[in-house]
């Protein structure tokens, strides 16, 4: 990254506002000081994307967008640019992160450790359209009381730097894949959607709907993808890129369905490839408080994980991270979640995982 800050975080939520936070050391000696955080940029998607339809005087303000995904990305197709991916409503947007210089930003002994203000400038976007439910693609048609119009929402999105592919997990039960190699329009217009749609066929889950997608995860090669379904299942895919007459075509294949492990009907919140250079392990977690480990090279239908690493009562797991030091015999897994905040707040868990 060409950004001058040593630490830069992004946060967003149900208010539709994305913020950038810069970490800087305070104290007499930078090496021994405390790490403090300051908000250096605020971006309101409702305003920036004009989601009020241009009628800001209306007494009935449209519902504010909820941001479900954030990721710092750098793409070979957009060199020398630091981008932030955000997902809100039916959009995946790309924002350029640039330093905002003002006369007061001159580096002096008094403000040498203070973070630089940032600005996020719209670069391009993806907007996903509805698919005809009478076609061959399975579409989740149950919007529920919170979505009576069955509108499309992006519940997760992730970019693979290795393959230059963007994946989006949608409320209609499909996963849309877009290649940035041929689709990024640098004139700040919407990206021309040259995409493929991942979906299981009609009737694959007899007597029960597959449900909306809740999360997705790429492996480090960008050729394997895991999609999580609200019903508690995980689907493993391979994505092959082929070039013909200067155009890139995406050819997906469904290689496995992971059915067991998690409680049926309980949504999953994420998956992550790990386990050495070949990433032979897939971790999954969700509302049932379980952390399961699967063989990421599974094929066909798999009714049980290799093991259940963690089971937490009344503690839905919303997020996970794991250290990935090559050759290390011990790794650390951090879990975040919880439903009820007690007097001491909501706990986070850190586990040591040893190779035996």
Protein backbone atom coordinates (compact mmCIF):
# COMPACT_ATOMS: atom_id res chain seq x y z
CA UNK A 1 0.00 0.00 0.00
CA UNK A 2 1.21 3.52 -0.81
CA UNK A 3 -0.65 5.01 2.14
CA UNK A 4 1.67 6.57 4.68
CA UNK A 5 -0.16 5.36 7.79
CA UNK A 6 1.22 2.25 9.46
CA UNK A 7 -2.27 1.22 10.60
CA UNK A 8 -5.52 1.85 8.74
CA UNK A 9 -8.89 0.28 9.59
CA UNK A 10 -12.30 0.54 7.98
CA UNK A 11 -15.64 0.22 9.77
CA UNK A 12 -19.27 0.40 8.67
CA UNK A 13 -22.70 -0.77 9.75
CA UNK A 14 -26.46 -0.43 9.58
CA UNK A 15 -26.32 3.38 9.37
CA UNK A 16 -24.77 3.28 5.89
CA UNK A 17 -21.69 5.21 7.01
CA UNK A 18 -18.16 3.95 6.28
CA UNK A 19 -15.27 5.31 8.32
CA UNK A 20 -11.51 5.10 8.02
CA UNK A 21 -9.48 5.01 11.22
CA UNK A 22 -5.77 5.70 11.40
CA UNK A 23 -3.64 4.32 14.21
CA UNK A 24 -0.75 6.37 15.48
CA UNK A 25 1.71 6.05 18.31
CA UNK A 26 1.65 8.59 21.12
CA UNK A 27 4.26 9.26 23.75
CA UNK A 28 7.81 10.48 23.84
CA UNK A 29 9.21 7.43 22.11
CA UNK A 30 7.28 6.05 19.12
CA UNK A 31 8.52 2.51 19.75
CA UNK A 32 7.14 2.49 23.29
CA UNK A 33 4.10 4.73 22.95
CA UNK A 34 0.42 3.83 23.05
CA UNK A 35 -1.50 3.14 19.86
CA UNK A 36 -4.41 5.58 19.53
CA UNK A 37 -7.04 5.70 16.81
CA UNK A 38 -8.53 8.68 15.03
CA UNK A 39 -11.29 8.81 12.42
CA UNK A 40 -9.68 10.32 9.31
CA UNK A 41 -12.55 9.95 6.82
CA UNK A 42 -16.35 9.54 6.93
CA UNK A 43 -18.46 8.52 3.93
CA UNK A 44 -22.27 8.42 4.07
CA UNK A 45 -23.48 6.04 1.33
CA UNK A 46 -26.97 7.52 1.50
CA UNK A 47 -25.61 10.89 0.45
CA UNK A 48 -22.67 9.82 -1.74
CA UNK A 49 -24.77 7.44 -3.85
CA UNK A 50 -27.84 9.76 -3.83
CA UNK A 51 -30.10 7.03 -2.48
CA UNK A 52 -32.74 9.64 -1.68
CA UNK A 53 -33.55 9.70 -5.39
CA UNK A 54 -32.67 13.37 -5.55
CA UNK A 55 -35.65 14.35 -3.41
CA UNK A 56 -34.08 15.33 -0.11
CA UNK A 57 -37.17 17.36 0.89
CA UNK A 58 -39.49 14.36 1.04
CA UNK A 59 -41.07 13.77 4.44
CA UNK A 60 -40.77 9.99 3.97
CA UNK A 61 -37.04 9.43 3.88
CA UNK A 62 -36.08 6.17 2.17
CA UNK A 63 -34.54 3.49 4.34
CA UNK A 64 -30.83 4.03 4.82
CA UNK A 65 -28.50 1.47 3.23
CA UNK A 66 -26.89 -1.15 5.43
CA UNK A 67 -23.27 -1.98 4.72
CA UNK A 68 -22.53 -5.70 5.04
CA UNK A 69 -19.04 -5.96 3.54
CA UNK A 70 -15.75 -4.03 3.60
CA UNK A 71 -12.38 -4.89 2.10
CA UNK A 72 -9.21 -3.01 1.24
CA UNK A 73 -8.18 -4.11 -2.25
CA UNK A 74 -5.48 -3.56 -4.83
CA UNK A 75 -6.13 -4.80 -8.36
CA UNK A 76 -3.66 -5.25 -11.21
CA UNK A 77 -6.36 -3.80 -13.43
CA UNK A 78 -6.31 -0.58 -11.37
CA UNK A 79 -2.59 -0.13 -10.64
CA UNK A 80 -1.23 2.28 -8.05
CA UNK A 81 -4.68 2.76 -6.53
CA UNK A 82 -5.73 1.98 -2.98
CA UNK A 83 -9.39 0.97 -3.05
CA UNK A 84 -12.06 0.14 -0.51
CA UNK A 85 -14.81 -2.29 -1.46
CA UNK A 86 -18.19 -1.72 0.20
CA UNK A 87 -21.48 -3.59 -0.23
CA UNK A 88 -24.78 -1.79 0.45
CA UNK A 89 -28.28 -2.76 -0.71
CA UNK A 90 -27.86 -4.23 -4.22
CA UNK A 91 -24.55 -2.46 -4.89
CA UNK A 92 -20.89 -3.30 -4.60
CA UNK A 93 -18.89 -0.07 -4.80
CA UNK A 94 -15.21 0.69 -5.17
CA UNK A 95 -13.82 3.88 -3.59
CA UNK A 96 -10.39 5.39 -4.12
CA UNK A 97 -8.62 6.26 -0.88
CA UNK A 98 -6.53 9.38 -1.19
CA UNK A 99 -4.71 11.61 1.21
CA UNK A 100 -6.28 15.00 1.86
CA UNK A 101 -3.60 17.63 2.19
CA UNK A 102 -4.27 21.02 3.73
CA UNK A 103 -1.89 23.80 4.80
CA UNK A 104 -2.32 22.69 8.40
CA UNK A 105 -1.06 19.22 7.51
CA UNK A 106 2.56 20.34 7.19
CA UNK A 107 4.78 17.91 9.05
CA UNK A 108 6.32 19.64 12.05
CA UNK A 109 7.74 18.35 15.29
CA UNK A 110 4.37 19.12 16.90
CA UNK A 111 2.18 17.06 14.58
CA UNK A 112 4.66 14.53 13.14
CA UNK A 113 2.81 11.59 14.70
CA UNK A 114 -0.71 12.76 13.84
CA UNK A 115 -2.53 10.79 11.12
CA UNK A 116 -3.25 12.26 7.71
CA UNK A 117 -6.85 13.05 6.79
CA UNK A 118 -8.30 10.89 4.01
CA UNK A 119 -11.01 11.13 1.39
CA UNK A 120 -12.94 8.35 -0.37
CA UNK A 121 -13.76 9.11 -4.00
CA UNK A 122 -16.22 7.01 -5.99
CA UNK A 123 -14.44 4.88 -8.59
CA UNK A 124 -16.92 2.34 -9.97
CA UNK A 125 -19.76 0.05 -8.94
CA UNK A 126 -21.63 -3.18 -9.58
CA UNK A 127 -25.42 -3.28 -9.38
CA UNK A 128 -27.08 -6.68 -9.44
CA UNK A 129 -30.35 -7.25 -11.23
CA UNK A 130 -33.12 -9.71 -10.48
CA UNK A 131 -33.12 -13.05 -12.26
CA UNK A 132 -36.25 -14.46 -13.87
CA UNK A 133 -37.53 -17.08 -11.36
CA UNK A 134 -39.04 -19.14 -14.16
CA UNK A 135 -35.62 -19.91 -15.60
CA UNK A 136 -33.16 -22.67 -14.79
CA UNK A 137 -31.49 -20.80 -11.93
CA UNK A 138 -32.74 -21.44 -8.42
CA UNK A 139 -34.00 -18.19 -6.87
CA UNK A 140 -34.92 -17.74 -3.22
CA UNK A 141 -38.34 -16.05 -3.39
CA UNK A 142 -39.06 -15.63 0.32
CA UNK A 143 -38.46 -12.04 1.34
CA UNK A 144 -40.17 -12.28 4.72
CA UNK A 145 -41.76 -9.54 6.80
CA UNK A 146 -38.60 -7.42 6.66
CA UNK A 147 -38.42 -7.65 2.87
CA UNK A 148 -41.97 -8.00 1.52
CA UNK A 149 -40.95 -6.88 -1.98
CA UNK A 150 -38.25 -9.55 -2.13
CA UNK A 151 -35.65 -6.95 -3.03
CA UNK A 152 -32.06 -7.99 -3.68
CA UNK A 153 -29.45 -7.32 -1.01
CA UNK A 154 -25.73 -8.06 -1.01
CA UNK A 155 -25.06 -9.85 2.28
CA UNK A 156 -21.34 -10.35 1.65
CA UNK A 157 -18.76 -9.55 -0.99
CA UNK A 158 -15.08 -10.42 -1.36
CA UNK A 159 -12.33 -9.72 -3.88
CA UNK A 160 -9.52 -12.13 -4.81
CA UNK A 161 -6.28 -10.39 -5.73
CA UNK A 162 -4.94 -13.64 -7.20
CA UNK A 163 -7.71 -14.03 -9.79
CA UNK A 164 -9.04 -10.44 -9.94
CA UNK A 165 -12.55 -11.78 -9.29
CA UNK A 166 -15.26 -10.23 -7.15
CA UNK A 167 -17.89 -12.45 -5.55
CA UNK A 168 -21.18 -11.26 -4.09
CA UNK A 169 -23.52 -13.35 -1.89
CA UNK A 170 -27.10 -12.22 -2.50
CA UNK A 171 -30.43 -12.48 -0.74
CA UNK A 172 -31.93 -14.31 -3.75
CA UNK A 173 -29.74 -17.34 -3.02
CA UNK A 174 -27.29 -16.75 -5.86
CA UNK A 175 -23.63 -15.84 -5.88
CA UNK A 176 -22.56 -13.49 -8.67
CA UNK A 177 -18.96 -13.54 -9.89
CA UNK A 178 -17.45 -10.65 -11.86
CA UNK A 179 -13.98 -10.37 -13.39
CA UNK A 180 -12.32 -6.98 -13.02
CA UNK A 181 -9.88 -7.85 -15.80
CA UNK A 182 -12.39 -6.86 -18.46
CA UNK A 183 -15.19 -5.07 -16.66
CA UNK A 184 -13.78 -2.11 -14.78
CA UNK A 185 -14.83 1.16 -16.41
CA UNK A 186 -12.33 3.81 -15.41
CA UNK A 187 -14.67 6.64 -16.44
CA UNK A 188 -16.51 6.35 -13.10
CA UNK A 189 -19.55 4.72 -14.71
CA UNK A 190 -21.10 1.48 -13.51
CA UNK A 191 -19.13 -1.67 -14.29
CA UNK A 192 -20.41 -3.55 -17.32
CA UNK A 193 -21.62 -6.79 -15.77
CA UNK A 194 -19.75 -9.66 -17.42
CA UNK A 195 -20.58 -12.14 -14.70
CA UNK A 196 -21.54 -15.70 -13.97
CA UNK A 197 -24.25 -16.80 -11.56
CA UNK A 198 -23.66 -19.63 -9.07
CA UNK A 199 -26.81 -21.44 -8.00
CA UNK A 200 -28.00 -24.96 -7.31
CA UNK A 201 -30.79 -26.40 -9.49
CA UNK A 202 -34.47 -26.36 -8.58
CA UNK A 203 -35.48 -29.06 -6.11
CA UNK A 204 -31.95 -29.82 -4.96
CA UNK A 205 -33.07 -29.51 -1.33
CA UNK A 206 -36.41 -31.39 -1.35
CA UNK A 207 -39.03 -29.99 1.01
CA UNK A 208 -36.89 -27.02 2.08
CA UNK A 209 -35.58 -23.90 0.47
CA UNK A 210 -31.87 -23.38 0.12
CA UNK A 211 -32.33 -19.83 1.47
CA UNK A 212 -30.34 -16.70 0.95
CA UNK A 213 -26.55 -16.62 0.95
CA UNK A 214 -24.94 -15.19 4.05
CA UNK A 215 -21.20 -15.24 3.29
CA UNK A 216 -18.50 -16.29 0.85
CA UNK A 217 -14.75 -16.87 0.94
CA UNK A 218 -12.00 -17.25 -1.68
CA UNK A 219 -8.93 -19.38 -1.23
CA UNK A 220 -5.56 -17.71 -1.88
CA UNK A 221 -5.43 -18.93 -5.51
CA UNK A 222 -8.75 -17.30 -6.37
CA UNK A 223 -9.88 -20.52 -8.05
CA UNK A 224 -11.81 -22.05 -5.13
CA UNK A 225 -14.85 -20.47 -3.50
CA UNK A 226 -17.01 -21.39 -0.50
CA UNK A 227 -20.55 -20.01 -0.22
CA UNK A 228 -22.56 -20.19 3.01
CA UNK A 229 -26.34 -20.63 3.02
CA UNK A 230 -28.82 -19.49 5.65
CA UNK A 231 -29.99 -23.11 6.02
CA UNK A 232 -26.60 -24.04 7.53
CA UNK A 233 -25.08 -25.61 4.43
CA UNK A 234 -21.82 -24.77 2.65
CA UNK A 235 -21.27 -25.15 -1.09
CA UNK A 236 -17.75 -25.48 -2.55
CA UNK A 237 -17.04 -24.26 -6.09
CA UNK A 238 -14.16 -24.04 -8.53
CA UNK A 239 -13.95 -21.07 -10.92
CA UNK A 240 -11.92 -21.43 -14.12
CA UNK A 241 -11.12 -18.41 -16.29
CA UNK A 242 -10.77 -18.97 -20.03
CA UNK A 243 -9.87 -16.35 -22.63
CA UNK A 244 -11.39 -16.36 -26.11
CA UNK A 245 -11.02 -13.57 -28.67
CA UNK A 246 -9.81 -11.17 -26.01
CA UNK A 247 -12.71 -11.83 -23.64
CA UNK A 248 -12.54 -13.67 -20.33
CA UNK A 249 -15.19 -16.30 -19.66
CA UNK A 250 -15.84 -17.74 -16.21
CA UNK A 251 -16.67 -21.44 -15.92
CA UNK A 252 -17.89 -22.51 -12.46
CA UNK A 253 -18.28 -26.05 -11.15
CA UNK A 254 -19.97 -27.19 -7.94
CA UNK A 255 -17.63 -29.72 -6.32
CA UNK A 256 -19.12 -30.35 -2.86
CA UNK A 257 -22.05 -29.76 -0.51
CA UNK A 258 -21.18 -29.67 3.20
CA UNK A 259 -24.40 -30.64 4.95
CA UNK A 260 -23.61 -31.67 8.51
CA UNK A 261 -21.75 -30.16 11.41
CA UNK A 262 -23.87 -27.09 12.09
CA UNK A 263 -27.40 -27.11 13.46
CA UNK A 264 -29.93 -27.45 10.60
CA UNK A 265 -31.73 -24.23 9.78
CA UNK A 266 -29.24 -22.04 11.67
CA UNK A 267 -27.53 -19.46 9.41
CA UNK A 268 -23.79 -19.54 8.88
CA UNK A 269 -21.88 -16.26 9.09
CA UNK A 270 -18.60 -17.15 7.43
CA UNK A 271 -15.99 -19.53 6.07
CA UNK A 272 -12.21 -19.33 5.76
CA UNK A 273 -9.61 -21.41 3.94
CA UNK A 274 -6.50 -22.24 5.97
CA UNK A 275 -4.09 -25.08 6.75
CA UNK A 276 -0.71 -24.68 5.08
CA UNK A 277 0.24 -23.75 1.54
CA UNK A 278 -2.50 -25.95 0.04
CA UNK A 279 -5.19 -24.65 2.43
CA UNK A 280 -6.62 -28.13 2.98
CA UNK A 281 -8.88 -26.95 5.81
CA UNK A 282 -12.05 -24.88 5.64
CA UNK A 283 -13.35 -23.31 8.86
CA UNK A 284 -17.04 -22.41 9.17
CA UNK A 285 -18.97 -20.63 11.92
CA UNK A 286 -22.46 -19.31 12.59
CA UNK A 287 -25.39 -18.65 14.90
CA UNK A 288 -25.19 -22.07 16.58
CA UNK A 289 -21.90 -21.07 18.27
CA UNK A 290 -19.95 -23.83 16.55
CA UNK A 291 -16.62 -23.64 14.77
CA UNK A 292 -16.24 -26.59 12.39
CA UNK A 293 -13.21 -27.77 10.41
CA UNK A 294 -13.78 -29.42 7.01
CA UNK A 295 -11.64 -30.99 4.32
CA UNK A 296 -11.60 -28.14 1.78
CA UNK A 297 -10.88 -30.63 -1.01
CA UNK A 298 -14.09 -32.57 -0.36
CA UNK A 299 -16.20 -33.72 -3.28
CA UNK A 300 -19.82 -34.77 -3.47
CA UNK A 301 -22.03 -34.56 -0.38
CA UNK A 302 -20.28 -34.46 2.98
CA UNK A 303 -22.45 -35.12 6.04
CA UNK A 304 -19.93 -34.32 8.79
CA UNK A 305 -16.87 -32.12 9.35
CA UNK A 306 -13.46 -33.50 10.29
CA UNK A 307 -14.07 -32.09 13.77
CA UNK A 308 -15.92 -29.42 15.71
CA UNK A 309 -13.26 -27.20 17.25
CA UNK A 310 -15.51 -25.00 19.40
CA UNK A 311 -19.06 -25.13 20.73
CA UNK A 312 -20.23 -22.04 22.63
CA UNK A 313 -23.63 -21.83 24.31
CA UNK A 314 -25.69 -18.69 23.61
CA UNK A 315 -22.81 -17.18 21.70
CA UNK A 316 -23.42 -16.80 17.95
CA UNK A 317 -20.10 -16.42 16.17
CA UNK A 318 -20.12 -13.47 13.75
CA UNK A 319 -16.49 -13.23 12.72
CA UNK A 320 -13.20 -15.12 12.85
CA UNK A 321 -9.54 -14.61 12.05
CA UNK A 322 -6.56 -16.96 12.23
CA UNK A 323 -2.80 -16.44 12.11
CA UNK A 324 -1.26 -17.85 8.95
CA UNK A 325 2.47 -18.10 9.60
CA UNK A 326 3.93 -20.58 7.12
CA UNK A 327 5.51 -23.58 8.83
CA UNK A 328 4.28 -22.65 12.29
CA UNK A 329 3.29 -25.54 14.56
CA UNK A 330 0.85 -23.39 16.55
CA UNK A 331 -1.80 -21.00 15.26
CA UNK A 332 -4.13 -18.60 17.02
CA UNK A 333 -7.86 -18.28 16.25
CA UNK A 334 -9.85 -15.24 17.37
CA UNK A 335 -13.66 -15.38 17.56
CA UNK A 336 -16.07 -12.48 17.92
CA UNK A 337 -19.82 -12.62 18.53
CA UNK A 338 -22.24 -12.89 21.42
CA UNK A 339 -25.86 -11.89 21.89
CA UNK A 340 -26.23 -10.36 25.38
CA UNK A 341 -23.78 -7.81 26.73
CA UNK A 342 -23.31 -8.20 30.46
CA UNK A 343 -21.73 -5.82 32.92
CA UNK A 344 -18.27 -6.55 31.52
CA UNK A 345 -19.39 -6.33 27.89
CA UNK A 346 -19.32 -8.97 25.13
CA UNK A 347 -16.32 -11.32 25.31
CA UNK A 348 -14.03 -12.25 22.44
CA UNK A 349 -12.27 -15.61 22.45
CA UNK A 350 -8.71 -16.47 21.40
CA UNK A 351 -7.67 -20.11 21.01
CA UNK A 352 -4.34 -21.81 20.39
CA UNK A 353 -4.46 -24.54 17.75
CA UNK A 354 -1.53 -26.97 17.66
CA UNK A 355 -0.60 -29.39 14.91
CA UNK A 356 -0.43 -32.97 16.20
